[in-house]
Amino acid sequence: MAAENSRSGCLLITLAKDRKWEHPDCGQRIGLSELIALLRDEAKRVEQALGGAIALTVHLLDLRPRLPRE
């Protein structure tokens, strides 16, 4: 839905249950904080590779229940 010449973007991740992911380089299982750090580092790398012509960000919407069910 962005304009054709848009120079910014946001990756929104929603999480509804506890998960683990496989690290793309080493294959090790990583948690949420490591995943977010990995994605934010990649966004910065892409921004720098394009000379700062774009802006990218990564956000997390944590939908996991905070309290136990009654």
PDB file of N, CA and C in Angstrom:
ATOM      1  N   MET A   1       0.801  -1.191   0.000  1.00  0.00           N
ATOM      2  CA  MET A   1       0.000   0.000   0.000  1.00  0.00           C
ATOM      3  C   MET A   1       0.853   1.268   0.000  1.00  0.00           C
ATOM      4  N   ALA A   2       2.147   1.117   0.043  1.00  0.00           N
ATOM      5  CA  ALA A   2       3.033   2.280   0.076  1.00  0.00           C
ATOM      6  C   ALA A   2       3.116   2.923  -1.307  1.00  0.00           C
ATOM      7  N   ALA A   3       3.452   4.187  -1.288  1.00  0.00           N
ATOM      8  CA  ALA A   3       3.655   4.892  -2.543  1.00  0.00           C
ATOM      9  C   ALA A   3       4.811   4.265  -3.304  1.00  0.00           C
ATOM     10  N   GLU A   4       4.774   4.368  -4.614  1.00  0.00           N
ATOM     11  CA  GLU A   4       5.793   3.735  -5.447  1.00  0.00           C
ATOM     12  C   GLU A   4       7.194   4.250  -5.138  1.00  0.00           C
ATOM     13  N   ASN A   5       7.312   5.509  -4.747  1.00  0.00           N
ATOM     14  CA  ASN A   5       8.631   6.084  -4.472  1.00  0.00           C
ATOM     15  C   ASN A   5       8.900   6.222  -2.973  1.00  0.00           C
ATOM     16  N   SER A   6       8.236   5.420  -2.168  1.00  0.00           N
ATOM     17  CA  SER A   6       8.430   5.457  -0.718  1.00  0.00           C
ATOM     18  C   SER A   6       9.867   5.078  -0.367  1.00  0.00           C
ATOM     19  N   ARG A   7      10.424   5.746   0.621  1.00  0.00           N
ATOM     20  CA  ARG A   7      11.806   5.491   1.024  1.00  0.00           C
ATOM     21  C   ARG A   7      11.902   5.003   2.473  1.00  0.00           C
ATOM     22  N   SER A   8      10.802   4.462   2.988  1.00  0.00           N
ATOM     23  CA  SER A   8      10.835   3.941   4.356  1.00  0.00           C
ATOM     24  C   SER A   8       9.977   2.686   4.444  1.00  0.00           C
ATOM     25  N   GLY A   9      10.282   1.859   5.432  1.00  0.00           N
ATOM     26  CA  GLY A   9       9.521   0.633   5.615  1.00  0.00           C
ATOM     27  C   GLY A   9       9.634   0.133   7.035  1.00  0.00           C
ATOM     28  N   CYS A  10       8.652  -0.677   7.428  1.00  0.00           N
ATOM     29  CA  CYS A  10       8.614  -1.224   8.773  1.00  0.00           C
ATOM     30  C   CYS A  10       8.210  -2.687   8.692  1.00  0.00           C
ATOM     31  N   LEU A  11       8.961  -3.538   9.359  1.00  0.00           N
ATOM     32  CA  LEU A  11       8.601  -4.941   9.496  1.00  0.00           C
ATOM     33  C   LEU A  11       7.946  -5.091  10.854  1.00  0.00           C
ATOM     34  N   LEU A  12       6.673  -5.482  10.882  1.00  0.00           N
ATOM     35  CA  LEU A  12       5.937  -5.678  12.122  1.00  0.00           C
ATOM     36  C   LEU A  12       5.785  -7.170  12.349  1.00  0.00           C
ATOM     37  N   ILE A  13       6.294  -7.638  13.468  1.00  0.00           N
ATOM     38  CA  ILE A  13       6.218  -9.049  13.819  1.00  0.00           C
ATOM     39  C   ILE A  13       5.216  -9.190  14.954  1.00  0.00           C
ATOM     40  N   THR A  14       4.258 -10.096  14.803  1.00  0.00           N
ATOM     41  CA  THR A  14       3.324 -10.388  15.883  1.00  0.00           C
ATOM     42  C   THR A  14       3.632 -11.780  16.405  1.00  0.00           C
ATOM     43  N   LEU A  15       3.557 -11.925  17.717  1.00  0.00           N
ATOM     44  CA  LEU A  15       3.880 -13.195  18.352  1.00  0.00           C
ATOM     45  C   LEU A  15       2.775 -13.530  19.335  1.00  0.00           C
ATOM     46  N   ALA A  16       2.129 -14.699  19.160  1.00  0.00           N
ATOM     47  CA  ALA A  16       1.017 -15.094  20.010  1.00  0.00           C
ATOM     48  C   ALA A  16       1.377 -16.247  20.949  1.00  0.00           C
ATOM     49  N   LYS A  17       2.513 -16.910  20.717  1.00  0.00           N
ATOM     50  CA  LYS A  17       2.930 -18.009  21.599  1.00  0.00           C
ATOM     51  C   LYS A  17       4.448 -18.076  21.622  1.00  0.00           C
ATOM     52  N   ASP A  18       4.989 -18.744  22.612  1.00  0.00           N
ATOM     53  CA  ASP A  18       6.443 -18.893  22.724  1.00  0.00           C
ATOM     54  C   ASP A  18       6.960 -19.733  21.563  1.00  0.00           C
ATOM     55  N   ARG A  19       8.066 -19.280  20.989  1.00  0.00           N
ATOM     56  CA  ARG A  19       8.669 -19.966  19.846  1.00  0.00           C
ATOM     57  C   ARG A  19      10.175 -19.851  19.898  1.00  0.00           C
ATOM     58  N   LYS A  20      10.827 -20.635  19.059  1.00  0.00           N
ATOM     59  CA  LYS A  20      12.265 -20.557  18.795  1.00  0.00           C
ATOM     60  C   LYS A  20      12.442 -20.558  17.286  1.00  0.00           C
ATOM     61  N   TRP A  21      13.522 -19.927  16.828  1.00  0.00           N
ATOM     62  CA  TRP A  21      13.814 -19.844  15.404  1.00  0.00           C
ATOM     63  C   TRP A  21      15.214 -20.372  15.157  1.00  0.00           C
ATOM     64  N   GLU A  22      15.481 -20.743  13.929  1.00  0.00           N
ATOM     65  CA  GLU A  22      16.804 -21.219  13.547  1.00  0.00           C
ATOM     66  C   GLU A  22      17.601 -20.039  12.994  1.00  0.00           C
ATOM     67  N   HIS A  23      18.788 -19.826  13.555  1.00  0.00           N
ATOM     68  CA  HIS A  23      19.657 -18.739  13.087  1.00  0.00           C
ATOM     69  C   HIS A  23      20.080 -19.047  11.654  1.00  0.00           C
ATOM     70  N   PRO A  24      19.990 -18.080  10.748  1.00  0.00           N
ATOM     71  CA  PRO A  24      20.287 -18.354   9.339  1.00  0.00           C
ATOM     72  C   PRO A  24      21.748 -18.687   9.044  1.00  0.00           C
ATOM     73  N   ASP A  25      22.673 -18.240   9.887  1.00  0.00           N
ATOM     74  CA  ASP A  25      24.092 -18.484   9.623  1.00  0.00           C
ATOM     75  C   ASP A  25      24.608 -19.758  10.275  1.00  0.00           C
ATOM     76  N   CYS A  26      24.299 -19.930  11.567  1.00  0.00           N
ATOM     77  CA  CYS A  26      24.888 -21.057  12.292  1.00  0.00           C
ATOM     78  C   CYS A  26      23.908 -22.198  12.546  1.00  0.00           C
ATOM     79  N   GLY A  27      22.620 -21.992  12.302  1.00  0.00           N
ATOM     80  CA  GLY A  27      21.642 -23.048  12.494  1.00  0.00           C
ATOM     81  C   GLY A  27      21.227 -23.265  13.936  1.00  0.00           C
ATOM     82  N   GLN A  28      21.771 -22.474  14.840  1.00  0.00           N
ATOM     83  CA  GLN A  28      21.457 -22.597  16.264  1.00  0.00           C
ATOM     84  C   GLN A  28      20.058 -22.059  16.538  1.00  0.00           C
ATOM     85  N   ARG A  29      19.364 -22.622  17.535  1.00  0.00           N
ATOM     86  CA  ARG A  29      18.035 -22.148  17.917  1.00  0.00           C
ATOM     87  C   ARG A  29      18.179 -20.841  18.698  1.00  0.00           C
ATOM     88  N   ILE A  30      17.381 -19.824  18.335  1.00  0.00           N
ATOM     89  CA  ILE A  30      17.448 -18.526  18.999  1.00  0.00           C
ATOM     90  C   ILE A  30      16.056 -18.127  19.494  1.00  0.00           C
ATOM     91  N   GLY A  31      16.043 -17.281  20.503  1.00  0.00           N
ATOM     92  CA  GLY A  31      14.799 -16.791  21.074  1.00  0.00           C
ATOM     93  C   GLY A  31      14.377 -15.477  20.447  1.00  0.00           C
ATOM     94  N   LEU A  32      13.337 -14.904  21.018  1.00  0.00           N
ATOM     95  CA  LEU A  32      12.745 -13.694  20.473  1.00  0.00           C
ATOM     96  C   LEU A  32      13.708 -12.510  20.479  1.00  0.00           C
ATOM     97  N   SER A  33      14.386 -12.276  21.585  1.00  0.00           N
ATOM     98  CA  SER A  33      15.290 -11.123  21.647  1.00  0.00           C
ATOM     99  C   SER A  33      16.419 -11.232  20.623  1.00  0.00           C
ATOM    100  N   GLU A  34      16.931 -12.447  20.428  1.00  0.00           N
ATOM    101  CA  GLU A  34      17.986 -12.648  19.427  1.00  0.00           C
ATOM    102  C   GLU A  34      17.450 -12.448  18.011  1.00  0.00           C
ATOM    103  N   LEU A  35      16.209 -12.888  17.757  1.00  0.00           N
ATOM    104  CA  LEU A  35      15.602 -12.707  16.439  1.00  0.00           C
ATOM    105  C   LEU A  35      15.430 -11.225  16.126  1.00  0.00           C
ATOM    106  N   ILE A  36      14.899 -10.472  17.076  1.00  0.00           N
ATOM    107  CA  ILE A  36      14.687  -9.034  16.858  1.00  0.00           C
ATOM    108  C   ILE A  36      16.026  -8.340  16.618  1.00  0.00           C
ATOM    109  N   ALA A  37      17.038  -8.676  17.410  1.00  0.00           N
ATOM    110  CA  ALA A  37      18.366  -8.077  17.227  1.00  0.00           C
ATOM    111  C   ALA A  37      18.922  -8.410  15.846  1.00  0.00           C
ATOM    112  N   LEU A  38      18.763  -9.645  15.414  1.00  0.00           N
ATOM    113  CA  LEU A  38      19.242 -10.078  14.098  1.00  0.00           C
ATOM    114  C   LEU A  38      18.553  -9.289  12.982  1.00  0.00           C
ATOM    115  N   LEU A  39      17.243  -9.139  13.070  1.00  0.00           N
ATOM    116  CA  LEU A  39      16.491  -8.420  12.039  1.00  0.00           C
ATOM    117  C   LEU A  39      16.819  -6.931  12.035  1.00  0.00           C
ATOM    118  N   ARG A  40      16.986  -6.343  13.213  1.00  0.00           N
ATOM    119  CA  ARG A  40      17.340  -4.918  13.275  1.00  0.00           C
ATOM    120  C   ARG A  40      18.741  -4.675  12.718  1.00  0.00           C
ATOM    121  N   ASP A  41      19.669  -5.584  13.008  1.00  0.00           N
ATOM    122  CA  ASP A  41      21.018  -5.462  12.447  1.00  0.00           C
ATOM    123  C   ASP A  41      20.978  -5.555  10.919  1.00  0.00           C
ATOM    124  N   GLU A  42      20.156  -6.459  10.403  1.00  0.00           N
ATOM    125  CA  GLU A  42      20.030  -6.601   8.942  1.00  0.00           C
ATOM    126  C   GLU A  42      19.410  -5.349   8.324  1.00  0.00           C
ATOM    127  N   ALA A  43      18.416  -4.771   8.989  1.00  0.00           N
ATOM    128  CA  ALA A  43      17.808  -3.535   8.485  1.00  0.00           C
ATOM    129  C   ALA A  43      18.843  -2.418   8.422  1.00  0.00           C
ATOM    130  N   LYS A  44      19.687  -2.303   9.458  1.00  0.00           N
ATOM    131  CA  LYS A  44      20.747  -1.286   9.459  1.00  0.00           C
ATOM    132  C   LYS A  44      21.748  -1.543   8.348  1.00  0.00           C
ATOM    133  N   ARG A  45      22.076  -2.823   8.122  1.00  0.00           N
ATOM    134  CA  ARG A  45      23.026  -3.168   7.064  1.00  0.00           C
ATOM    135  C   ARG A  45      22.478  -2.757   5.696  1.00  0.00           C
ATOM    136  N   VAL A  46      21.201  -3.002   5.462  1.00  0.00           N
ATOM    137  CA  VAL A  46      20.569  -2.635   4.188  1.00  0.00           C
ATOM    138  C   VAL A  46      20.538  -1.114   4.033  1.00  0.00           C
ATOM    139  N   GLU A  47      20.192  -0.394   5.096  1.00  0.00           N
ATOM    140  CA  GLU A  47      20.194   1.067   5.043  1.00  0.00           C
ATOM    141  C   GLU A  47      21.565   1.605   4.658  1.00  0.00           C
ATOM    142  N   GLN A  48      22.606   1.071   5.302  1.00  0.00           N
ATOM    143  CA  GLN A  48      23.972   1.533   5.031  1.00  0.00           C
ATOM    144  C   GLN A  48      24.413   1.163   3.628  1.00  0.00           C
ATOM    145  N   ALA A  49      24.019  -0.022   3.170  1.00  0.00           N
ATOM    146  CA  ALA A  49      24.396  -0.463   1.826  1.00  0.00           C
ATOM    147  C   ALA A  49      23.787   0.438   0.755  1.00  0.00           C
ATOM    148  N   LEU A  50      22.640   1.027   1.071  1.00  0.00           N
ATOM    149  CA  LEU A  50      21.978   1.917   0.116  1.00  0.00           C
ATOM    150  C   LEU A  50      22.300   3.380   0.393  1.00  0.00           C
ATOM    151  N   GLY A  51      23.312   3.618   1.186  1.00  0.00           N
ATOM    152  CA  GLY A  51      23.792   4.972   1.428  1.00  0.00           C
ATOM    153  C   GLY A  51      22.843   5.856   2.223  1.00  0.00           C
ATOM    154  N   GLY A  52      21.989   5.257   3.020  1.00  0.00           N
ATOM    155  CA  GLY A  52      21.064   6.046   3.821  1.00  0.00           C
ATOM    156  C   GLY A  52      19.886   6.604   3.038  1.00  0.00           C
ATOM    157  N   ALA A  53      19.684   6.113   1.828  1.00  0.00           N
ATOM    158  CA  ALA A  53      18.591   6.610   0.993  1.00  0.00           C
ATOM    159  C   ALA A  53      17.232   6.099   1.451  1.00  0.00           C
ATOM    160  N   ILE A  54      17.237   5.069   2.304  1.00  0.00           N
ATOM    161  CA  ILE A  54      15.988   4.523   2.819  1.00  0.00           C
ATOM    162  C   ILE A  54      16.069   4.410   4.339  1.00  0.00           C
ATOM    163  N   ALA A  55      14.921   4.234   4.969  1.00  0.00           N
ATOM    164  CA  ALA A  55      14.852   4.018   6.410  1.00  0.00           C
ATOM    165  C   ALA A  55      14.036   2.759   6.667  1.00  0.00           C
ATOM    166  N   LEU A  56      14.605   1.843   7.428  1.00  0.00           N
ATOM    167  CA  LEU A  56      13.925   0.593   7.762  1.00  0.00           C
ATOM    168  C   LEU A  56      13.900   0.417   9.271  1.00  0.00           C
ATOM    169  N   THR A  57      12.835  -0.176   9.770  1.00  0.00           N
ATOM    170  CA  THR A  57      12.744  -0.451  11.200  1.00  0.00           C
ATOM    171  C   THR A  57      12.024  -1.779  11.413  1.00  0.00           C
ATOM    172  N   VAL A  58      12.225  -2.361  12.582  1.00  0.00           N
ATOM    173  CA  VAL A  58      11.597  -3.629  12.954  1.00  0.00           C
ATOM    174  C   VAL A  58      10.908  -3.417  14.295  1.00  0.00           C
ATOM    175  N   HIS A  59       9.635  -3.814  14.374  1.00  0.00           N
ATOM    176  CA  HIS A  59       8.874  -3.696  15.617  1.00  0.00           C
ATOM    177  C   HIS A  59       8.220  -5.030  15.945  1.00  0.00           C
ATOM    178  N   LEU A  60       8.010  -5.262  17.235  1.00  0.00           N
ATOM    179  CA  LEU A  60       7.379  -6.486  17.720  1.00  0.00           C
ATOM    180  C   LEU A  60       6.090  -6.140  18.440  1.00  0.00           C
ATOM    181  N   LEU A  61       5.027  -6.863  18.124  1.00  0.00           N
ATOM    182  CA  LEU A  61       3.769  -6.778  18.844  1.00  0.00           C
ATOM    183  C   LEU A  61       3.600  -8.109  19.564  1.00  0.00           C
ATOM    184  N   ASP A  62       3.816  -8.099  20.871  1.00  0.00           N
ATOM    185  CA  ASP A  62       3.782  -9.315  21.677  1.00  0.00           C
ATOM    186  C   ASP A  62       2.352  -9.563  22.156  1.00  0.00           C
ATOM    187  N   LEU A  63       1.707 -10.582  21.608  1.00  0.00           N
ATOM    188  CA  LEU A  63       0.328 -10.918  21.939  1.00  0.00           C
ATOM    189  C   LEU A  63       0.220 -12.099  22.896  1.00  0.00           C
ATOM    190  N   ARG A  64       1.357 -12.543  23.438  1.00  0.00           N
ATOM    191  CA  ARG A  64       1.329 -13.667  24.374  1.00  0.00           C
ATOM    192  C   ARG A  64       0.609 -13.231  25.661  1.00  0.00           C
ATOM    193  N   PRO A  65      -0.153 -14.139  26.266  1.00  0.00           N
ATOM    194  CA  PRO A  65      -0.838 -13.803  27.504  1.00  0.00           C
ATOM    195  C   PRO A  65       0.167 -13.503  28.619  1.00  0.00           C
ATOM    196  N   ARG A  66      -0.091 -12.439  29.375  1.00  0.00           N
ATOM    197  CA  ARG A  66       0.806 -12.081  30.466  1.00  0.00           C
ATOM    198  C   ARG A  66       0.429 -12.764  31.767  1.00  0.00           C
ATOM    199  N   LEU A  67      -0.833 -13.099  31.920  1.00  0.00           N
ATOM    200  CA  LEU A  67      -1.318 -13.726  33.141  1.00  0.00           C
ATOM    201  C   LEU A  67      -1.816 -15.141  32.823  1.00  0.00           C
ATOM    202  N   PRO A  68      -1.683 -16.050  33.784  1.00  0.00           N
ATOM    203  CA  PRO A  68      -2.191 -17.413  33.527  1.00  0.00           C
ATOM    204  C   PRO A  68      -3.715 -17.405  33.431  1.00  0.00           C
ATOM    205  N   ARG A  69      -4.239 -18.358  32.689  1.00  0.00           N
ATOM    206  CA  ARG A  69      -5.685 -18.501  32.558  1.00  0.00           C
ATOM    207  C   ARG A  69      -6.273 -18.980  33.861  1.00  0.00           C
ATOM    208  N   GLU A  70      -7.474 -18.512  34.165  1.00  0.00           N
ATOM    209  CA  GLU A  70      -8.138 -18.909  35.407  1.00  0.00           C
ATOM    210  C   GLU A  70      -8.990 -20.131  35.211  1.00  0.00           C
TER     211      GLU A  70
END
